[in-house]
Protein backbone atom coordinates (compact mmCIF):
# COMPACT_ATOMS: atom_id res chain seq x y z
CA UNK A 1 76.79 -193.61 90.47
CA UNK A 2 73.15 -194.54 91.49
CA UNK A 3 70.05 -194.63 88.78
CA UNK A 4 68.40 -191.42 90.91
CA UNK A 5 71.44 -189.27 90.52
CA UNK A 6 71.94 -189.96 86.93
CA UNK A 7 68.56 -189.05 86.14
CA UNK A 8 68.85 -185.86 87.98
CA UNK A 9 72.09 -185.23 86.56
CA UNK A 10 70.64 -185.26 83.19
CA UNK A 11 67.37 -183.15 84.08
CA UNK A 12 65.16 -185.98 85.41
CA UNK A 13 63.15 -185.06 88.15
CA UNK A 14 62.33 -187.95 90.81
CA UNK A 15 61.13 -186.88 94.06
CA UNK A 16 63.37 -187.80 97.11
CA UNK A 17 64.32 -186.35 100.64
CA UNK A 18 67.17 -188.68 102.22
CA UNK A 19 69.28 -188.81 98.80
CA UNK A 20 72.70 -187.39 99.06
CA UNK A 21 74.99 -187.08 96.21
CA UNK A 22 77.73 -189.39 95.78
CA UNK A 23 76.39 -191.64 98.79
CA UNK A 24 77.41 -195.18 98.19
CA UNK A 25 74.67 -196.82 100.84
CA UNK A 26 71.57 -194.77 100.88
CA UNK A 27 69.16 -195.34 103.23
CA UNK A 28 66.21 -195.35 101.01
CA UNK A 29 64.11 -194.29 104.10
CA UNK A 30 61.96 -191.57 102.20
CA UNK A 31 60.37 -194.29 99.84
CA UNK A 32 59.76 -191.66 97.45
CA UNK A 33 61.99 -192.43 94.51
CA UNK A 34 60.51 -195.57 92.92
CA UNK A 35 60.89 -196.09 89.32
CA UNK A 36 59.64 -199.00 87.23
CA UNK A 37 63.16 -200.91 85.49
CA UNK A 38 62.25 -203.50 82.69
CA UNK A 39 63.05 -207.10 83.86
CA UNK A 40 61.86 -206.09 87.86
CA UNK A 41 58.61 -207.33 88.71
CA UNK A 42 57.65 -204.24 91.04
CA UNK A 43 59.14 -200.68 91.41
CA UNK A 44 61.97 -200.58 93.41
CA UNK A 45 63.71 -197.28 95.19
CA UNK A 46 66.37 -195.61 91.96
CA UNK A 47 68.68 -194.86 94.74
CA UNK A 48 69.19 -198.38 95.30
CA UNK A 49 69.64 -199.16 92.17
CA UNK A 50 73.36 -198.42 90.27
CA UNK A 51 73.11 -197.11 86.93
CA UNK A 52 74.30 -198.49 83.74
CA UNK A 53 74.29 -198.68 79.94
CA UNK A 54 71.29 -200.32 78.37
CA UNK A 55 69.10 -199.84 81.59
CA UNK A 56 65.26 -199.37 80.60
CA UNK A 57 63.47 -197.17 83.20
CA UNK A 58 60.13 -195.83 83.56
CA UNK A 59 60.03 -192.90 86.06
CA UNK A 60 56.34 -191.51 85.72
CA UNK A 61 53.77 -194.85 85.36
CA UNK A 62 50.69 -194.89 87.27
CA UNK A 63 52.40 -197.44 89.42
CA UNK A 64 55.20 -195.56 90.61
CA UNK A 65 52.74 -192.13 90.93
CA UNK A 66 50.38 -194.23 93.01
CA UNK A 67 53.69 -195.12 95.40
CA UNK A 68 55.10 -191.48 95.66
CA UNK A 69 51.95 -190.34 96.18
CA UNK A 70 51.00 -192.52 98.91
CA UNK A 71 54.88 -192.12 100.39
CA UNK A 72 54.05 -188.46 100.26
CA UNK A 73 50.74 -188.27 101.98
CA UNK A 74 51.74 -190.43 105.00
CA UNK A 75 55.01 -188.44 105.54
CA UNK A 76 52.73 -185.20 105.38
CA UNK A 77 50.18 -186.70 107.70
CA UNK A 78 52.94 -186.56 110.31
CA UNK A 79 54.44 -183.07 109.54
CA UNK A 80 53.23 -180.05 111.28
CA UNK A 81 52.79 -177.52 107.93
CA UNK A 82 53.45 -173.95 109.25
CA UNK A 83 55.12 -172.57 105.59
CA UNK A 84 54.47 -169.17 106.81
CA UNK A 85 56.58 -169.16 109.79
CA UNK A 86 59.63 -171.66 108.26
CA UNK A 87 62.81 -170.21 106.92
CA UNK A 88 62.27 -172.77 103.92
CA UNK A 89 59.57 -171.42 102.44
CA UNK A 90 59.32 -171.35 99.17
CA UNK A 91 62.75 -173.15 98.45
CA UNK A 92 61.36 -176.47 100.61
CA UNK A 93 61.76 -179.76 99.18
CA UNK A 94 58.12 -181.00 100.40
CA UNK A 95 56.77 -177.85 98.26
CA UNK A 96 58.26 -179.13 95.08
CA UNK A 97 57.52 -182.53 95.59
CA UNK A 98 53.47 -181.63 96.74
CA UNK A 99 53.93 -179.36 93.38
CA UNK A 100 55.59 -182.18 91.38
CA UNK A 101 52.98 -184.74 92.49
CA UNK A 102 50.21 -182.48 92.33
CA UNK A 103 49.28 -183.54 96.05
CA UNK A 104 48.39 -181.12 98.76
CA UNK A 105 50.78 -180.40 101.93
CA UNK A 106 47.54 -181.47 104.20
CA UNK A 107 46.07 -184.47 103.47
CA UNK A 108 43.28 -184.33 105.27
CA UNK A 109 41.89 -188.28 105.04
CA UNK A 110 45.25 -189.17 106.70
CA UNK A 111 45.80 -186.43 109.27
CA UNK A 112 46.81 -187.85 112.63
CA UNK A 113 47.02 -186.16 115.81
CA UNK A 114 50.12 -183.62 116.05
CA UNK A 115 51.66 -182.80 119.08
CA UNK A 116 53.48 -180.06 119.48
CA UNK A 117 57.12 -180.36 120.30
CA UNK A 118 58.87 -177.71 121.78
CA UNK A 119 62.40 -176.52 119.86
CA UNK A 120 65.67 -178.26 120.96
CA UNK A 121 67.79 -175.36 121.92
CA UNK A 122 70.56 -177.12 123.73
CA UNK A 123 73.13 -177.18 121.17
CA UNK A 124 74.95 -173.85 121.79
CA UNK A 125 74.87 -173.22 117.72
CA UNK A 126 71.90 -174.78 116.32
CA UNK A 127 68.40 -174.98 117.30
CA UNK A 128 66.44 -177.98 116.07
CA UNK A 129 62.61 -177.74 115.55
CA UNK A 130 61.30 -181.57 115.18
CA UNK A 131 57.65 -180.55 114.03
CA UNK A 132 59.42 -179.25 110.71
CA UNK A 133 61.64 -182.42 110.44
CA UNK A 134 61.14 -185.48 108.44
CA UNK A 135 63.84 -187.81 109.43
CA UNK A 136 65.38 -187.90 106.62
CA UNK A 137 68.96 -188.69 108.25
CA UNK A 138 70.79 -186.07 105.45
CA UNK A 139 72.01 -184.06 108.61
CA UNK A 140 73.43 -187.57 110.74
CA UNK A 141 75.32 -188.44 107.38
CA UNK A 142 76.88 -185.16 106.41
CA UNK A 143 77.93 -185.01 109.86
CA UNK A 144 79.45 -188.16 109.82
CA UNK A 145 81.33 -187.37 106.51
CA UNK A 146 82.68 -183.81 107.55
CA UNK A 147 83.96 -185.28 110.88
CA UNK A 148 84.51 -188.97 111.10
CA UNK A 149 81.78 -189.75 113.35
CA UNK A 150 78.36 -188.24 114.08
CA UNK A 151 77.08 -185.72 116.56
CA UNK A 152 74.12 -185.90 115.61
CA UNK A 153 71.63 -189.46 115.91
CA UNK A 154 68.04 -190.48 116.04
CA UNK A 155 66.68 -190.70 119.52
CA UNK A 156 63.06 -192.28 120.46
CA UNK A 157 61.13 -194.05 118.46
CA UNK A 158 57.96 -194.00 115.95
CA UNK A 159 56.13 -190.65 116.05
CA UNK A 160 58.50 -189.53 118.92
CA UNK A 161 61.86 -189.74 116.70
CA UNK A 162 63.68 -186.85 116.80
CA UNK A 163 67.33 -185.67 115.84
CA UNK A 164 69.64 -185.04 118.96
CA UNK A 165 73.33 -184.47 119.66
CA UNK A 166 75.16 -187.36 120.60
CA UNK A 167 78.41 -188.81 122.37
CA UNK A 168 79.38 -185.06 123.84
CA UNK A 169 78.48 -184.56 127.64
CA UNK A 170 79.68 -180.81 127.17
CA UNK A 171 77.77 -179.57 124.06
CA UNK A 172 80.39 -176.72 124.21
CA UNK A 173 82.53 -178.91 122.37
CA UNK A 174 80.50 -179.73 119.61
CA UNK A 175 82.02 -178.73 116.19
CA UNK A 176 78.80 -177.33 114.83
CA UNK A 177 80.40 -173.33 115.01
CA UNK A 178 82.60 -174.05 112.49
CA UNK A 179 80.55 -176.31 110.15
CA UNK A 180 76.69 -175.65 110.08
CA UNK A 181 76.89 -178.52 106.95
CA UNK A 182 73.69 -179.98 108.65
CA UNK A 183 71.76 -176.65 108.21
CA UNK A 184 72.70 -176.31 104.26
CA UNK A 185 71.69 -180.26 103.62
CA UNK A 186 68.36 -179.96 105.75
CA UNK A 187 65.64 -180.22 102.88
CA UNK A 188 62.87 -178.86 105.21
CA UNK A 189 64.61 -176.02 107.29
CA UNK A 190 64.57 -178.25 110.84
CA UNK A 191 67.77 -176.97 111.59
CA UNK A 192 68.73 -173.40 111.87
CA UNK A 193 71.80 -171.59 113.17
CA UNK A 194 71.30 -169.10 116.23
CA UNK A 195 73.43 -166.48 114.86
CA UNK A 196 71.28 -166.94 111.60
CA UNK A 197 67.86 -168.25 112.37
CA UNK A 198 66.56 -167.53 109.02
CA UNK A 199 69.65 -169.69 107.24
CA UNK A 200 68.84 -172.43 105.47
CA UNK A 201 69.43 -174.72 102.21
């Protein structure tokens, strides 16, 4: 079990976006779950550390909070904030993290030029909203876990990166209609069902 999961299981909240319960190989991509561990010379992502007896951990030092706030502000600088029209509003992980860190959802001094990206409606069962996506990779990981291979993958790079259907020329063959696990695990409402567009985690 990871240190992050052990903390969460014991009521100690550590901001995170890419963590999946029971995952042995975390991506550590969100860079939010930093902690200080006695014996280490700098803060490290708690999802990459195995929990063990006797370990001394600090989750709320100034250094930890500074790293978490910086990572969150950078993330939000490329995230289009439109909570009122998002099905994840009031249950969005970004809102929870912002409240916990006492950081606004719109860090003005870091805000980049955001281009409007069209909703991807190519999947017969799902709609994907790139403007909401934080590229945490949870949908890709859960898809691979459920089906033995990922029918979703990252496409493009940098600020143009998105999640896309992968490996199926005929998208009607995708197993999404009977699964929808990606909707349930998305922390920000970036994937919705065509049948129930307001359904989220």
